[in-house]
Amino acid sequence: MTSPCCDRRRFLHASALTVGSAGLLSACGGHGTPEPAAPSLAEGGSWVELLDLKDLEVGASSAEEVQETQLLLHRSDESTVHAFSAVCTHQGCAVGTEPDRFACPCHGSIFNRETGAAEAGPAREPLTRYPAEIRGEAIWVQV
């Protein structure tokens, strides 16, 4: 009498075909330039007062450390500050600030200072975003 279930070999073969087909189908997606990934938001911890507002002028960027977390800050206008992880999403090197961008010295990845999006280089994922805001005369970040 034959069992309604397939044997182990047939099951593994069918599973491999299914997984392989799904991978091929996803690889055959839309044409053109892929949409940049949205930055992931760091899981919130506590808010920390990081800098005096006078220490980060409008248009300037800064690398800071808070609670062993390396951060990149950029102040885009009088009331807006952006904070991102300084860890490159390509291979984990330390990303630094340049006059108009964040840049990874290891393999040349370039990141947008206001969105964290990868704009050039081997990195494809954006930098992790940290909640940041201006409160009174200080910059606060949630880490």
N, C-alpha and C. Protein backbone atom coordinates (compact mmCIF):
# COMPACT_ATOMS: atom_id res chain seq x y z
N MET A 1 0.84 -1.17 0.00
CA MET A 1 0.00 0.00 0.00
C MET A 1 0.89 1.24 0.00
N THR A 2 0.58 2.21 -0.86
CA THR A 2 1.38 3.44 -0.93
C THR A 2 0.80 4.49 -0.01
N SER A 3 1.70 5.23 0.57
CA SER A 3 1.30 6.30 1.49
C SER A 3 0.92 7.54 0.69
N PRO A 4 -0.08 8.29 1.14
CA PRO A 4 -0.44 9.54 0.44
C PRO A 4 0.67 10.58 0.57
N CYS A 5 1.57 10.42 1.51
CA CYS A 5 2.68 11.35 1.67
C CYS A 5 3.83 10.91 0.79
N CYS A 6 4.60 11.86 0.33
CA CYS A 6 5.75 11.51 -0.49
C CYS A 6 6.92 11.10 0.39
N ASP A 7 7.88 10.41 -0.22
CA ASP A 7 9.05 10.01 0.56
C ASP A 7 9.98 11.21 0.77
N ARG A 8 10.96 11.03 1.63
CA ARG A 8 11.87 12.11 2.01
C ARG A 8 12.58 12.71 0.81
N ARG A 9 13.10 11.88 -0.08
CA ARG A 9 13.84 12.36 -1.24
C ARG A 9 12.96 13.22 -2.13
N ARG A 10 11.75 12.80 -2.38
CA ARG A 10 10.83 13.56 -3.24
C ARG A 10 10.46 14.88 -2.57
N PHE A 11 10.26 14.86 -1.25
CA PHE A 11 9.94 16.08 -0.52
C PHE A 11 11.08 17.09 -0.60
N LEU A 12 12.32 16.64 -0.35
CA LEU A 12 13.47 17.55 -0.41
C LEU A 12 13.66 18.12 -1.81
N HIS A 13 13.47 17.30 -2.83
CA HIS A 13 13.60 17.77 -4.21
C HIS A 13 12.56 18.84 -4.52
N ALA A 14 11.32 18.58 -4.12
CA ALA A 14 10.24 19.55 -4.37
C ALA A 14 10.49 20.85 -3.59
N SER A 15 11.00 20.73 -2.36
CA SER A 15 11.29 21.92 -1.56
C SER A 15 12.38 22.76 -2.20
N ALA A 16 13.44 22.10 -2.69
CA ALA A 16 14.54 22.82 -3.33
C ALA A 16 14.05 23.54 -4.58
N LEU A 17 13.20 22.89 -5.35
CA LEU A 17 12.66 23.54 -6.55
C LEU A 17 11.81 24.75 -6.19
N THR A 18 11.01 24.62 -5.15
CA THR A 18 10.15 25.73 -4.73
C THR A 18 10.98 26.92 -4.27
N VAL A 19 11.96 26.67 -3.41
CA VAL A 19 12.82 27.76 -2.91
C VAL A 19 13.61 28.37 -4.06
N GLY A 20 14.16 27.58 -4.93
CA GLY A 20 14.92 28.08 -6.08
C GLY A 20 14.06 28.92 -7.00
N SER A 21 12.84 28.48 -7.24
CA SER A 21 11.93 29.24 -8.11
C SER A 21 11.57 30.57 -7.49
N ALA A 22 11.34 30.58 -6.18
CA ALA A 22 11.01 31.84 -5.52
C ALA A 22 12.16 32.83 -5.64
N GLY A 23 13.39 32.35 -5.48
CA GLY A 23 14.56 33.22 -5.62
C GLY A 23 14.69 33.77 -7.01
N LEU A 24 14.45 32.91 -8.02
CA LEU A 24 14.53 33.37 -9.41
C LEU A 24 13.46 34.41 -9.69
N LEU A 25 12.25 34.16 -9.21
CA LEU A 25 11.17 35.11 -9.46
C LEU A 25 11.47 36.47 -8.82
N SER A 26 12.00 36.45 -7.61
CA SER A 26 12.30 37.73 -6.97
C SER A 26 13.45 38.44 -7.68
N ALA A 27 14.38 37.69 -8.25
CA ALA A 27 15.49 38.30 -8.98
C ALA A 27 15.03 38.90 -10.30
N CYS A 28 13.91 38.46 -10.81
CA CYS A 28 13.40 38.94 -12.09
C CYS A 28 12.43 40.09 -11.90
N GLY A 29 12.49 40.78 -10.80
CA GLY A 29 11.57 41.87 -10.51
C GLY A 29 11.68 43.00 -11.50
N GLY A 30 11.21 44.17 -11.11
CA GLY A 30 11.14 45.33 -12.00
C GLY A 30 12.47 45.71 -12.60
N HIS A 31 12.40 46.52 -13.63
CA HIS A 31 13.60 46.98 -14.33
C HIS A 31 13.96 48.37 -13.87
N GLY A 32 15.14 48.80 -14.18
CA GLY A 32 15.56 50.16 -13.84
C GLY A 32 16.26 50.19 -12.49
N THR A 33 16.44 51.38 -11.99
CA THR A 33 17.14 51.58 -10.74
C THR A 33 16.22 51.25 -9.57
N PRO A 34 16.69 50.41 -8.64
CA PRO A 34 15.83 50.09 -7.50
C PRO A 34 15.65 51.31 -6.61
N GLU A 35 14.51 51.35 -5.94
CA GLU A 35 14.25 52.42 -4.99
C GLU A 35 15.23 52.28 -3.82
N PRO A 36 15.78 53.39 -3.33
CA PRO A 36 16.66 53.28 -2.17
C PRO A 36 15.87 52.81 -0.96
N ALA A 37 16.50 52.00 -0.16
CA ALA A 37 15.85 51.50 1.05
C ALA A 37 15.69 52.64 2.05
N ALA A 38 14.60 52.60 2.79
CA ALA A 38 14.39 53.59 3.84
C ALA A 38 15.30 53.26 5.02
N PRO A 39 15.82 54.26 5.69
CA PRO A 39 16.68 53.95 6.82
C PRO A 39 15.88 53.28 7.93
N SER A 40 16.49 52.29 8.54
CA SER A 40 15.82 51.67 9.67
C SER A 40 16.00 52.58 10.87
N LEU A 41 15.03 52.55 11.73
CA LEU A 41 15.07 53.39 12.92
C LEU A 41 15.60 52.55 14.07
N ALA A 42 16.61 53.05 14.74
CA ALA A 42 17.18 52.34 15.88
C ALA A 42 16.09 52.14 16.93
N GLU A 43 16.09 50.98 17.54
CA GLU A 43 15.13 50.72 18.61
C GLU A 43 15.42 51.68 19.75
N GLY A 44 14.43 52.44 20.12
CA GLY A 44 14.61 53.52 21.08
C GLY A 44 14.99 53.08 22.47
N GLY A 45 15.85 53.83 23.04
CA GLY A 45 16.23 53.66 24.44
C GLY A 45 15.87 54.94 25.15
N SER A 46 16.82 55.51 25.83
CA SER A 46 16.56 56.74 26.56
C SER A 46 17.09 57.95 25.78
N TRP A 47 16.46 59.09 26.01
CA TRP A 47 16.91 60.33 25.40
C TRP A 47 18.09 60.87 26.19
N VAL A 48 19.11 61.32 25.43
CA VAL A 48 20.33 61.84 26.04
C VAL A 48 20.63 63.21 25.45
N GLU A 49 20.98 64.15 26.31
CA GLU A 49 21.43 65.46 25.83
C GLU A 49 22.85 65.28 25.32
N LEU A 50 23.05 65.53 24.03
CA LEU A 50 24.33 65.20 23.39
C LEU A 50 25.24 66.40 23.22
N LEU A 51 24.71 67.50 22.69
CA LEU A 51 25.54 68.67 22.38
C LEU A 51 24.79 69.96 22.68
N ASP A 52 25.56 71.00 22.96
CA ASP A 52 24.96 72.33 22.98
C ASP A 52 24.68 72.71 21.53
N LEU A 53 23.58 73.37 21.31
CA LEU A 53 23.18 73.77 19.97
C LEU A 53 24.25 74.60 19.27
N LYS A 54 24.94 75.43 20.03
CA LYS A 54 25.99 76.30 19.45
C LYS A 54 27.17 75.48 18.91
N ASP A 55 27.30 74.22 19.32
CA ASP A 55 28.42 73.38 18.87
C ASP A 55 28.17 72.70 17.52
N LEU A 56 26.96 72.87 16.97
CA LEU A 56 26.66 72.31 15.64
C LEU A 56 25.88 73.35 14.85
N GLU A 57 26.59 74.11 14.05
CA GLU A 57 25.97 75.18 13.26
C GLU A 57 25.09 74.61 12.15
N VAL A 58 24.16 75.42 11.68
CA VAL A 58 23.31 75.02 10.55
C VAL A 58 24.21 74.70 9.36
N GLY A 59 23.97 73.55 8.75
CA GLY A 59 24.75 73.11 7.59
C GLY A 59 25.96 72.26 7.96
N ALA A 60 26.26 72.16 9.24
CA ALA A 60 27.44 71.42 9.68
C ALA A 60 27.09 69.99 10.09
N SER A 61 28.11 69.14 10.09
CA SER A 61 27.98 67.75 10.54
C SER A 61 29.03 67.49 11.61
N SER A 62 28.79 66.44 12.39
CA SER A 62 29.69 66.11 13.47
C SER A 62 29.62 64.62 13.78
N ALA A 63 30.75 64.06 14.18
CA ALA A 63 30.79 62.67 14.65
C ALA A 63 30.86 62.73 16.17
N GLU A 64 29.99 61.99 16.83
CA GLU A 64 29.92 62.00 18.29
C GLU A 64 29.78 60.57 18.81
N GLU A 65 30.09 60.39 20.08
CA GLU A 65 29.90 59.10 20.74
C GLU A 65 29.02 59.30 21.96
N VAL A 66 28.02 58.44 22.10
CA VAL A 66 27.17 58.48 23.28
C VAL A 66 26.87 57.04 23.69
N GLN A 67 27.15 56.73 24.93
CA GLN A 67 26.91 55.39 25.47
C GLN A 67 27.48 54.30 24.56
N GLU A 68 28.72 54.48 24.14
CA GLU A 68 29.44 53.53 23.27
C GLU A 68 28.82 53.40 21.87
N THR A 69 27.94 54.30 21.50
CA THR A 69 27.35 54.32 20.16
C THR A 69 27.98 55.45 19.37
N GLN A 70 28.55 55.13 18.22
CA GLN A 70 29.14 56.13 17.33
C GLN A 70 28.03 56.71 16.46
N LEU A 71 27.90 58.03 16.49
CA LEU A 71 26.83 58.71 15.75
C LEU A 71 27.39 59.76 14.81
N LEU A 72 26.64 60.00 13.74
CA LEU A 72 26.88 61.10 12.81
C LEU A 72 25.69 62.03 12.93
N LEU A 73 25.95 63.31 13.14
CA LEU A 73 24.89 64.30 13.24
C LEU A 73 25.00 65.28 12.09
N HIS A 74 23.86 65.77 11.65
CA HIS A 74 23.85 66.85 10.66
C HIS A 74 22.69 67.78 11.00
N ARG A 75 23.00 69.06 11.06
CA ARG A 75 21.97 70.06 11.34
C ARG A 75 21.60 70.74 10.03
N SER A 76 20.43 70.43 9.51
CA SER A 76 20.03 70.93 8.19
C SER A 76 19.42 72.33 8.24
N ASP A 77 18.81 72.71 9.35
CA ASP A 77 18.29 74.07 9.48
C ASP A 77 18.19 74.42 10.97
N GLU A 78 17.62 75.57 11.27
CA GLU A 78 17.57 76.06 12.66
C GLU A 78 16.87 75.10 13.61
N SER A 79 15.90 74.32 13.09
CA SER A 79 15.10 73.48 13.99
C SER A 79 15.20 71.98 13.71
N THR A 80 16.11 71.57 12.82
CA THR A 80 16.18 70.15 12.44
C THR A 80 17.59 69.60 12.55
N VAL A 81 17.70 68.48 13.24
CA VAL A 81 18.97 67.77 13.32
C VAL A 81 18.71 66.30 13.00
N HIS A 82 19.64 65.69 12.27
CA HIS A 82 19.53 64.29 11.88
C HIS A 82 20.65 63.51 12.57
N ALA A 83 20.35 62.29 13.00
CA ALA A 83 21.36 61.45 13.65
C ALA A 83 21.32 60.06 13.04
N PHE A 84 22.52 59.53 12.75
CA PHE A 84 22.65 58.21 12.13
C PHE A 84 23.78 57.44 12.78
N SER A 85 23.72 56.14 12.67
CA SER A 85 24.83 55.31 13.10
C SER A 85 26.04 55.61 12.23
N ALA A 86 27.22 55.60 12.82
CA ALA A 86 28.45 55.82 12.06
C ALA A 86 29.04 54.50 11.55
N VAL A 87 28.25 53.43 11.60
CA VAL A 87 28.71 52.12 11.14
C VAL A 87 28.22 51.91 9.70
N CYS A 88 29.16 51.73 8.78
CA CYS A 88 28.82 51.54 7.37
C CYS A 88 28.02 50.25 7.20
N THR A 89 26.99 50.32 6.39
CA THR A 89 26.13 49.16 6.16
C THR A 89 26.75 48.17 5.18
N HIS A 90 27.91 48.49 4.62
CA HIS A 90 28.57 47.55 3.71
C HIS A 90 29.34 46.50 4.50
N GLN A 91 30.37 46.93 5.25
CA GLN A 91 31.16 45.97 6.02
C GLN A 91 31.52 46.46 7.42
N GLY A 92 30.79 47.44 7.92
CA GLY A 92 30.94 47.84 9.30
C GLY A 92 32.07 48.79 9.64
N CYS A 93 32.67 49.40 8.65
CA CYS A 93 33.73 50.40 8.92
C CYS A 93 33.11 51.66 9.52
N ALA A 94 33.96 52.49 10.10
CA ALA A 94 33.50 53.75 10.69
C ALA A 94 33.34 54.80 9.60
N VAL A 95 32.14 55.31 9.45
CA VAL A 95 31.83 56.36 8.48
C VAL A 95 32.17 57.70 9.11
N GLY A 96 32.70 58.61 8.31
CA GLY A 96 33.06 59.93 8.81
C GLY A 96 32.29 61.04 8.11
N THR A 97 32.50 62.25 8.58
CA THR A 97 31.83 63.41 7.98
C THR A 97 32.76 64.08 6.99
N GLU A 98 32.17 64.58 5.93
CA GLU A 98 32.85 65.42 4.94
C GLU A 98 31.97 66.64 4.75
N PRO A 99 32.46 67.68 4.08
CA PRO A 99 31.66 68.91 3.97
C PRO A 99 30.24 68.73 3.44
N ASP A 100 30.03 67.83 2.46
CA ASP A 100 28.70 67.70 1.87
C ASP A 100 28.09 66.31 1.98
N ARG A 101 28.71 65.43 2.77
CA ARG A 101 28.23 64.04 2.81
C ARG A 101 28.87 63.29 3.97
N PHE A 102 28.36 62.08 4.19
CA PHE A 102 29.03 61.14 5.08
C PHE A 102 29.73 60.14 4.17
N ALA A 103 30.96 59.77 4.51
CA ALA A 103 31.74 58.90 3.63
C ALA A 103 32.45 57.80 4.43
N CYS A 104 32.49 56.61 3.83
CA CYS A 104 33.21 55.49 4.43
C CYS A 104 34.59 55.40 3.78
N PRO A 105 35.65 55.50 4.55
CA PRO A 105 37.00 55.47 3.99
C PRO A 105 37.44 54.08 3.52
N CYS A 106 36.78 53.04 3.97
CA CYS A 106 37.22 51.68 3.64
C CYS A 106 36.99 51.30 2.18
N HIS A 107 35.76 51.51 1.69
CA HIS A 107 35.44 51.08 0.33
C HIS A 107 34.73 52.15 -0.49
N GLY A 108 34.66 53.36 0.03
CA GLY A 108 34.16 54.48 -0.76
C GLY A 108 32.66 54.70 -0.76
N SER A 109 31.92 54.08 0.14
CA SER A 109 30.47 54.32 0.18
C SER A 109 30.20 55.76 0.62
N ILE A 110 29.18 56.36 0.02
CA ILE A 110 28.77 57.73 0.30
C ILE A 110 27.32 57.71 0.77
N PHE A 111 27.03 58.48 1.82
CA PHE A 111 25.69 58.52 2.40
C PHE A 111 25.19 59.96 2.48
N ASN A 112 23.90 60.14 2.26
CA ASN A 112 23.25 61.44 2.34
C ASN A 112 23.19 61.88 3.80
N ARG A 113 23.50 63.16 4.08
CA ARG A 113 23.55 63.67 5.45
C ARG A 113 22.17 63.87 6.07
N GLU A 114 21.13 64.01 5.24
CA GLU A 114 19.80 64.26 5.78
C GLU A 114 18.92 63.02 5.81
N THR A 115 19.20 62.04 4.96
CA THR A 115 18.35 60.84 4.90
C THR A 115 19.09 59.57 5.31
N GLY A 116 20.42 59.60 5.26
CA GLY A 116 21.20 58.40 5.55
C GLY A 116 21.27 57.43 4.39
N ALA A 117 20.63 57.76 3.27
CA ALA A 117 20.58 56.87 2.11
C ALA A 117 21.97 56.68 1.50
N ALA A 118 22.24 55.44 1.07
CA ALA A 118 23.48 55.14 0.36
C ALA A 118 23.36 55.74 -1.03
N GLU A 119 24.32 56.59 -1.41
CA GLU A 119 24.27 57.26 -2.71
C GLU A 119 25.32 56.76 -3.67
N ALA A 120 26.39 56.14 -3.17
CA ALA A 120 27.45 55.63 -4.03
C ALA A 120 28.25 54.59 -3.26
N GLY A 121 28.98 53.79 -4.02
CA GLY A 121 29.85 52.80 -3.41
C GLY A 121 29.17 51.46 -3.23
N PRO A 122 29.84 50.55 -2.59
CA PRO A 122 29.26 49.22 -2.46
C PRO A 122 28.09 49.13 -1.48
N ALA A 123 27.97 50.05 -0.53
CA ALA A 123 26.84 49.99 0.42
C ALA A 123 25.55 50.24 -0.33
N ARG A 124 24.55 49.44 -0.04
CA ARG A 124 23.23 49.60 -0.66
C ARG A 124 22.17 50.02 0.36
N GLU A 125 22.39 49.66 1.60
CA GLU A 125 21.44 49.97 2.67
C GLU A 125 21.78 51.31 3.30
N PRO A 126 20.78 52.04 3.75
CA PRO A 126 21.03 53.33 4.41
C PRO A 126 21.60 53.13 5.81
N LEU A 127 22.18 54.18 6.34
CA LEU A 127 22.64 54.17 7.73
C LEU A 127 21.42 54.10 8.65
N THR A 128 21.58 53.47 9.78
CA THR A 128 20.50 53.40 10.76
C THR A 128 20.26 54.79 11.35
N ARG A 129 19.00 55.19 11.36
CA ARG A 129 18.63 56.52 11.87
C ARG A 129 18.32 56.43 13.36
N TYR A 130 18.74 57.46 14.09
CA TYR A 130 18.40 57.60 15.50
C TYR A 130 17.50 58.82 15.65
N PRO A 131 16.47 58.73 16.49
CA PRO A 131 15.64 59.90 16.73
C PRO A 131 16.49 61.01 17.34
N ALA A 132 16.34 62.21 16.81
CA ALA A 132 17.10 63.36 17.31
C ALA A 132 16.22 64.61 17.22
N GLU A 133 16.43 65.51 18.15
CA GLU A 133 15.67 66.76 18.12
C GLU A 133 16.40 67.85 18.88
N ILE A 134 15.96 69.05 18.58
CA ILE A 134 16.50 70.22 19.27
C ILE A 134 15.51 70.58 20.37
N ARG A 135 16.03 70.68 21.58
CA ARG A 135 15.21 71.09 22.73
C ARG A 135 15.92 72.25 23.40
N GLY A 136 15.30 73.41 23.30
CA GLY A 136 15.91 74.60 23.87
C GLY A 136 17.23 74.89 23.19
N GLU A 137 18.31 74.87 23.93
CA GLU A 137 19.63 75.17 23.40
C GLU A 137 20.52 73.92 23.30
N ALA A 138 19.88 72.74 23.19
CA ALA A 138 20.64 71.50 23.15
C ALA A 138 20.10 70.54 22.09
N ILE A 139 20.97 69.63 21.68
CA ILE A 139 20.61 68.56 20.75
C ILE A 139 20.46 67.29 21.58
N TRP A 140 19.32 66.64 21.43
CA TRP A 140 19.02 65.40 22.14
C TRP A 140 18.89 64.25 21.15
N VAL A 141 19.38 63.08 21.55
CA VAL A 141 19.31 61.88 20.71
C VAL A 141 18.80 60.72 21.56
N GLN A 142 17.99 59.89 20.94
CA GLN A 142 17.50 58.70 21.64
C GLN A 142 18.37 57.50 21.26
N VAL A 143 19.08 56.95 22.26
CA VAL A 143 19.97 55.80 22.02
C VAL A 143 19.64 54.66 22.96
